Amino acid sequence: MERMEPISLDMALASFAEQWSPRIVTTVNDYDVRVAKVEGEHLWHVHDHTDEFFLVLGGELHIALREPAGERTVVLPKGSVFTVPRGTEHKPYARVPTEILVIEPTGTSTVGDRHDEVPDHVDATAGHALT
């Protein structure tokens, strides 16, 4: 996907309504830059071979983590970034409507390499083209 014009993240987010169903706004080398609307819970999952970068554009994202030292939750208010290290089991969730930007290698599944059963409200995808 090669675009030679600026992309408005506000317009990209306004172009769809689905929750937990990211849209690819651009690519950088071999990475997708995706935006998504999220509310409620995602699912526990792991990306075995890649880190996952989150930027909160609006709202507040929580990410539960299962680490060697135990479980913890990080809270990301608007404007915050966090990277989930590869191999870390995690579950994002949002108590209020939230908009995020995620950067991960092209083709990375939203439900990782290993995951719990995928609930109906979560789109298991490698991202959708922005329309």
Protein backbone atom coordinates (compact mmCIF):
# COMPACT_ATOMS: atom_id res chain seq x y z
CA MET A 1 0.00 0.00 0.00
CA GLU A 2 1.70 3.14 -1.14
CA ARG A 3 0.09 6.50 -0.52
CA MET A 4 1.76 9.71 -1.51
CA GLU A 5 -0.61 11.99 0.40
CA PRO A 6 -0.95 12.71 4.11
CA ILE A 7 -3.44 10.56 5.99
CA SER A 8 -5.73 12.09 8.59
CA LEU A 9 -6.04 9.70 11.53
CA ASP A 10 -9.34 11.36 12.47
CA MET A 11 -10.72 10.68 8.98
CA ALA A 12 -9.34 7.13 9.01
CA LEU A 13 -11.05 6.42 12.33
CA ALA A 14 -14.29 8.03 11.12
CA SER A 15 -14.36 5.67 8.10
CA PHE A 16 -15.40 2.59 10.11
CA ALA A 17 -17.40 1.67 13.21
CA GLU A 18 -16.32 -1.90 14.03
CA GLN A 19 -14.61 -2.52 17.37
CA TRP A 20 -11.35 -4.51 17.60
CA SER A 21 -11.07 -4.47 13.80
CA PRO A 22 -7.95 -2.50 12.80
CA ARG A 23 -7.46 -0.60 9.56
CA ILE A 24 -4.03 -0.27 7.97
CA VAL A 25 -3.34 3.43 7.43
CA THR A 26 0.18 3.04 6.04
CA THR A 27 3.25 0.84 6.04
CA VAL A 28 6.77 1.62 7.16
CA ASN A 29 9.34 -0.80 5.76
CA ASP A 30 7.83 -4.19 6.69
CA TYR A 31 5.52 -2.83 9.40
CA ASP A 32 1.83 -1.92 9.33
CA VAL A 33 0.58 1.17 11.10
CA ARG A 34 -2.98 0.35 12.12
CA VAL A 35 -5.75 2.28 13.84
CA ALA A 36 -8.59 0.66 15.74
CA LYS A 37 -11.60 1.51 17.85
CA VAL A 38 -11.77 -0.58 20.99
CA GLU A 39 -14.12 -1.03 23.92
CA GLY A 40 -14.62 -4.00 26.21
CA GLU A 41 -12.17 -6.87 26.33
CA HIS A 42 -9.95 -8.37 23.64
CA LEU A 43 -8.55 -11.82 24.57
CA TRP A 44 -5.44 -13.29 26.13
CA HIS A 45 -2.88 -13.86 23.38
CA VAL A 46 0.84 -13.99 22.61
CA HIS A 47 2.93 -12.79 19.68
CA ASP A 48 5.85 -15.22 19.74
CA HIS A 49 8.08 -13.38 17.26
CA THR A 50 7.29 -9.68 17.51
CA ASP A 51 6.80 -6.85 19.95
CA GLU A 52 3.53 -4.90 19.73
CA PHE A 53 3.53 -1.08 19.96
CA PHE A 54 0.44 0.79 21.21
CA LEU A 55 -0.30 4.54 21.08
CA VAL A 56 -3.56 5.74 22.62
CA LEU A 57 -5.15 8.43 20.43
CA GLY A 58 -8.27 8.85 22.56
CA GLY A 59 -9.80 7.26 25.62
CA GLU A 60 -7.85 4.95 27.90
CA LEU A 61 -6.42 1.51 27.17
CA HIS A 62 -5.61 -1.11 29.79
CA ILE A 63 -3.28 -4.00 28.97
CA ALA A 64 -3.21 -6.96 31.34
CA LEU A 65 0.14 -8.76 31.22
CA ARG A 66 1.21 -12.21 32.41
CA GLU A 67 4.91 -11.92 33.19
CA PRO A 68 7.39 -14.19 35.03
CA ALA A 69 6.90 -12.07 38.18
CA GLY A 70 3.08 -12.41 37.94
CA GLU A 71 0.14 -10.58 36.46
CA ARG A 72 -0.08 -6.81 36.25
CA THR A 73 -2.03 -4.23 34.27
CA VAL A 74 -0.64 -1.13 32.61
CA VAL A 75 -2.98 1.82 32.07
CA LEU A 76 -2.43 4.03 29.04
CA PRO A 77 -4.28 7.36 29.02
CA LYS A 78 -4.58 9.40 25.81
CA GLY A 79 -1.15 10.23 24.40
CA SER A 80 0.60 7.29 26.08
CA VAL A 81 2.66 4.59 24.39
CA PHE A 82 3.57 1.10 25.51
CA THR A 83 5.32 -1.84 23.88
CA VAL A 84 4.33 -5.39 24.78
CA PRO A 85 7.49 -7.50 24.42
CA ARG A 86 7.39 -10.54 22.17
CA GLY A 87 6.42 -13.70 24.00
CA THR A 88 4.42 -11.84 26.68
CA GLU A 89 0.84 -13.02 27.15
CA HIS A 90 -1.43 -9.98 27.20
CA LYS A 91 -5.06 -8.87 27.00
CA PRO A 92 -5.98 -5.31 26.02
CA TYR A 93 -9.26 -3.87 27.24
CA ALA A 94 -10.99 -0.51 27.41
CA ARG A 95 -13.71 0.58 29.83
CA VAL A 96 -14.63 3.55 27.62
CA PRO A 97 -14.60 3.98 23.82
CA THR A 98 -10.92 4.21 22.92
CA GLU A 99 -8.94 4.80 19.73
CA ILE A 100 -5.49 3.29 19.32
CA LEU A 101 -2.64 3.15 16.83
CA VAL A 102 -0.68 -0.10 16.68
CA ILE A 103 2.59 -0.83 14.88
CA GLU A 104 3.55 -4.42 14.11
CA PRO A 105 5.04 -6.43 11.23
CA THR A 106 2.85 -6.75 8.15
CA GLY A 107 0.77 -9.91 8.37
CA THR A 108 0.70 -10.06 12.18
CA SER A 109 -2.60 -11.44 13.44
CA THR A 110 -4.61 -9.42 15.94
CA VAL A 111 -5.02 -12.59 18.00
CA GLY A 112 -1.33 -13.51 18.01
CA ASP A 113 0.30 -16.89 17.52
CA ARG A 114 -1.33 -18.46 20.58
CA HIS A 115 -4.63 -17.32 22.08
CA ASP A 116 -7.80 -18.06 23.98
CA GLU A 117 -11.00 -18.74 22.07
CA VAL A 118 -11.79 -15.73 19.88
CA PRO A 119 -15.02 -14.03 20.98
CA ASP A 120 -17.49 -12.83 18.33
CA HIS A 121 -16.70 -9.14 18.92
CA VAL A 122 -12.98 -9.55 18.11
CA ASP A 123 -11.91 -9.55 14.46
CA ALA A 124 -9.11 -12.11 13.94
CA THR A 125 -7.31 -10.34 11.10
CA ALA A 126 -3.96 -9.05 9.91
CA GLY A 127 -5.67 -5.69 9.39
CA HIS A 128 -8.08 -4.34 6.80
CA ALA A 129 -7.29 -1.88 4.04
CA LEU A 130 -8.41 1.65 4.74
CA THR A 131 -11.29 2.63 2.43
